[in-house]
Amino acid sequence: MKRLFFTVFVLSVFLAVSVLSFAAEGRLGNIKAEIPVTASVGKYAEILVGDTAVNLTLMGAAGEVARDDDNIFTVESNCLVDLSFKADALTNGRDFIAVDYELFKEGNPDALLSYRTERENGDDVVIRNVQDYVDGVVRYNIAVAATLGNISDQSAGEYSSTIYLTVAAAE
């Protein structure tokens, strides 16, 4: 019984292979064959920030505002993407400075996003379908404005924060 099963199995495999394979024959010079070629490209993106860093200098006066409106980064993708923006509070570990962020896409004067941090880290804000592969490399700008409270609301010294940018394939 095992021998019969094995023989049927071998014949089945032989017939399957012979049905799937094709031969080209004919007079020399006229023999042609086609071989299909396929490729699969995964979804991919890149954020380039270069040496972009937000630099704010404040004298310390009540209600003073410092701006840095030139914070460029680029995004390139091969699919439709969402862009996520998040920022930590600007702090020295004890005191905080309120910061307003606006995100712009080059060539568009309207902000894609307005975002504020005061005493707590901000939440992720996702901009859906912000860019597609046909857009190529897209430049974005983050405008930043820090506003002091009363003179004694924040001590003199160095403050720091981080902006987090994430690109993900759109659903």
Protein backbone atom coordinates (compact mmCIF):
# COMPACT_ATOMS: atom_id res chain seq x y z
CA MET A 1 0.00 0.00 0.00
CA LYS A 2 2.85 2.37 0.85
CA ARG A 3 4.50 1.55 -2.47
CA LEU A 4 1.29 2.36 -4.37
CA PHE A 5 0.90 5.64 -2.47
CA PHE A 6 4.53 6.57 -3.18
CA THR A 7 4.17 5.76 -6.90
CA VAL A 8 0.98 7.86 -7.19
CA PHE A 9 2.69 10.70 -5.32
CA VAL A 10 5.75 10.65 -7.61
CA LEU A 11 3.57 10.57 -10.74
CA SER A 12 1.48 13.49 -9.41
CA VAL A 13 4.57 15.59 -8.76
CA PHE A 14 5.98 14.72 -12.21
CA LEU A 15 2.73 15.71 -13.95
CA ALA A 16 2.44 18.93 -11.94
CA VAL A 17 5.99 19.97 -12.82
CA SER A 18 5.58 19.10 -16.48
CA VAL A 19 2.31 21.06 -16.72
CA LEU A 20 3.93 24.13 -15.13
CA SER A 21 7.03 24.10 -17.34
CA PHE A 22 6.89 25.29 -20.92
CA ALA A 23 9.29 24.63 -23.73
CA ALA A 24 9.99 26.87 -26.67
CA GLU A 25 11.02 25.24 -29.88
CA GLY A 26 11.13 26.05 -33.55
CA ARG A 27 13.50 27.11 -36.28
CA LEU A 28 16.60 28.84 -34.96
CA GLY A 29 16.23 32.59 -34.86
CA ASN A 30 12.51 32.39 -34.13
CA ILE A 31 12.57 30.75 -30.73
CA LYS A 32 11.18 33.05 -28.05
CA ALA A 33 10.34 32.66 -24.39
CA GLU A 34 9.08 35.02 -21.71
CA ILE A 35 10.07 35.06 -18.07
CA PRO A 36 7.98 37.18 -15.72
CA VAL A 37 9.79 39.53 -13.34
CA THR A 38 8.12 40.91 -10.22
CA ALA A 39 9.30 43.12 -7.38
CA SER A 40 7.81 44.20 -4.10
CA VAL A 41 8.73 47.57 -2.56
CA GLY A 42 8.07 48.14 1.14
CA LYS A 43 6.70 51.36 2.58
CA TYR A 44 9.61 53.62 3.52
CA ALA A 45 10.17 57.18 4.72
CA GLU A 46 12.94 59.41 6.03
CA ILE A 47 12.99 62.52 8.22
CA LEU A 48 16.05 64.74 7.89
CA VAL A 49 16.58 67.40 10.54
CA GLY A 50 20.21 68.18 9.75
CA ASP A 51 21.61 70.65 12.27
CA THR A 52 18.19 72.14 13.08
CA ALA A 53 17.96 73.23 16.71
CA VAL A 54 15.56 75.71 18.30
CA ASN A 55 17.51 78.50 20.00
CA LEU A 56 15.70 80.97 22.23
CA THR A 57 17.28 83.80 24.23
CA LEU A 58 15.24 85.63 26.85
CA MET A 59 16.36 88.62 28.95
CA GLY A 60 13.99 87.70 31.81
CA ALA A 61 11.40 90.49 31.61
CA ALA A 62 7.78 89.77 32.52
CA GLY A 63 5.75 88.65 29.51
CA GLU A 64 8.81 88.63 27.22
CA VAL A 65 8.51 86.56 24.04
CA ALA A 66 11.41 84.94 22.18
CA ARG A 67 10.87 83.52 18.68
CA ASP A 68 12.72 81.15 16.42
CA ASP A 69 10.85 80.87 13.12
CA ASP A 70 13.45 79.02 11.06
CA ASN A 71 13.51 75.33 12.05
CA ILE A 72 13.51 73.31 8.86
CA PHE A 73 13.22 69.55 8.44
CA THR A 74 12.36 67.43 5.41
CA VAL A 75 10.31 64.29 4.88
CA GLU A 76 10.59 61.93 1.93
CA SER A 77 8.40 58.87 1.52
CA ASN A 78 7.31 56.34 -1.04
CA CYS A 79 3.71 56.17 0.22
CA LEU A 80 1.00 58.30 1.79
CA VAL A 81 2.14 59.23 5.32
CA ASP A 82 0.91 60.72 8.58
CA LEU A 83 3.14 63.04 10.61
CA SER A 84 3.05 62.98 14.41
CA PHE A 85 4.25 65.97 16.45
CA LYS A 86 4.96 66.02 20.19
CA ALA A 87 6.95 68.36 22.43
CA ASP A 88 8.12 68.23 26.02
CA ALA A 89 7.64 71.16 28.35
CA LEU A 90 10.47 73.72 28.33
CA THR A 91 11.88 73.36 31.85
CA ASN A 92 14.98 73.61 34.01
CA GLY A 93 13.70 70.74 36.14
CA ARG A 94 11.72 72.99 38.49
CA ASP A 95 10.30 75.95 36.56
CA PHE A 96 8.55 76.02 33.18
CA ILE A 97 8.27 78.40 30.23
CA ALA A 98 5.16 78.37 28.03
CA VAL A 99 5.96 77.53 24.39
CA ASP A 100 3.78 77.80 21.28
CA TYR A 101 4.66 75.75 18.19
CA GLU A 102 3.31 76.09 14.67
CA LEU A 103 4.11 73.62 11.90
CA PHE A 104 4.11 74.77 8.29
CA LYS A 105 4.50 72.90 5.00
CA GLU A 106 6.71 74.83 2.57
CA GLY A 107 4.64 76.84 0.13
CA ASN A 108 1.59 76.91 2.40
CA PRO A 109 1.16 79.97 4.66
CA ASP A 110 -1.49 78.21 6.77
CA ALA A 111 -0.24 76.28 9.80
CA LEU A 112 -0.80 72.53 9.69
CA LEU A 113 -0.64 72.48 13.47
CA SER A 114 -0.74 74.84 16.45
CA TYR A 115 0.60 73.27 19.65
CA ARG A 116 1.29 74.58 23.16
CA THR A 117 3.20 73.31 26.17
CA GLU A 118 3.18 75.01 29.55
CA ARG A 119 3.79 72.93 32.68
CA GLU A 120 3.42 69.43 31.20
CA ASN A 121 4.71 67.50 28.23
CA GLY A 122 2.37 67.70 25.27
CA ASP A 123 0.44 64.83 23.72
CA ASP A 124 1.05 63.34 20.28
CA VAL A 125 -0.89 65.18 17.59
CA VAL A 126 -1.17 63.33 14.28
CA ILE A 127 -1.61 65.13 10.97
CA ARG A 128 -3.28 62.57 8.71
CA ASN A 129 -2.34 62.12 5.05
CA VAL A 130 0.15 65.00 5.22
CA GLN A 131 2.22 63.89 2.25
CA ASP A 132 2.28 61.34 -0.59
CA TYR A 133 5.21 59.95 -2.58
CA VAL A 134 4.35 62.11 -5.60
CA ASP A 135 5.17 65.15 -3.44
CA GLY A 136 8.85 64.13 -3.43
CA VAL A 137 11.01 65.65 -0.69
CA VAL A 138 8.86 68.08 1.32
CA ARG A 139 10.27 70.83 3.53
CA TYR A 140 8.52 71.71 6.77
CA ASN A 141 9.18 74.55 9.20
CA ILE A 142 8.48 74.74 12.92
CA ALA A 143 7.91 78.26 14.28
CA VAL A 144 8.52 78.46 18.03
CA ALA A 145 7.61 81.21 20.51
CA ALA A 146 8.45 81.04 24.23
CA THR A 147 6.63 83.40 26.60
CA LEU A 148 7.80 84.22 30.11
CA GLY A 149 5.41 84.74 33.02
CA ASN A 150 6.13 87.25 35.75
CA ILE A 151 9.80 87.90 36.46
CA SER A 152 9.77 85.57 39.47
CA ASP A 153 7.82 82.79 37.72
CA GLN A 154 10.96 81.24 36.31
CA SER A 155 14.52 81.31 37.60
CA ALA A 156 17.45 82.48 35.49
CA GLY A 157 19.41 79.68 33.83
CA GLU A 158 19.24 77.06 31.11
CA TYR A 159 15.97 75.41 30.06
CA SER A 160 15.52 72.51 27.67
CA SER A 161 12.88 70.58 25.80
CA THR A 162 12.62 68.13 22.91
CA ILE A 163 10.40 68.03 19.83
CA TYR A 164 9.50 64.53 18.60
CA LEU A 165 8.56 63.95 14.96
CA THR A 166 7.29 60.58 13.72
CA VAL A 167 6.30 59.55 10.20
CA ALA A 168 4.08 56.51 9.70
CA ALA A 169 2.32 55.00 6.72
CA ALA A 170 -1.23 56.32 6.47
CA GLU A 171 -4.00 53.81 6.96
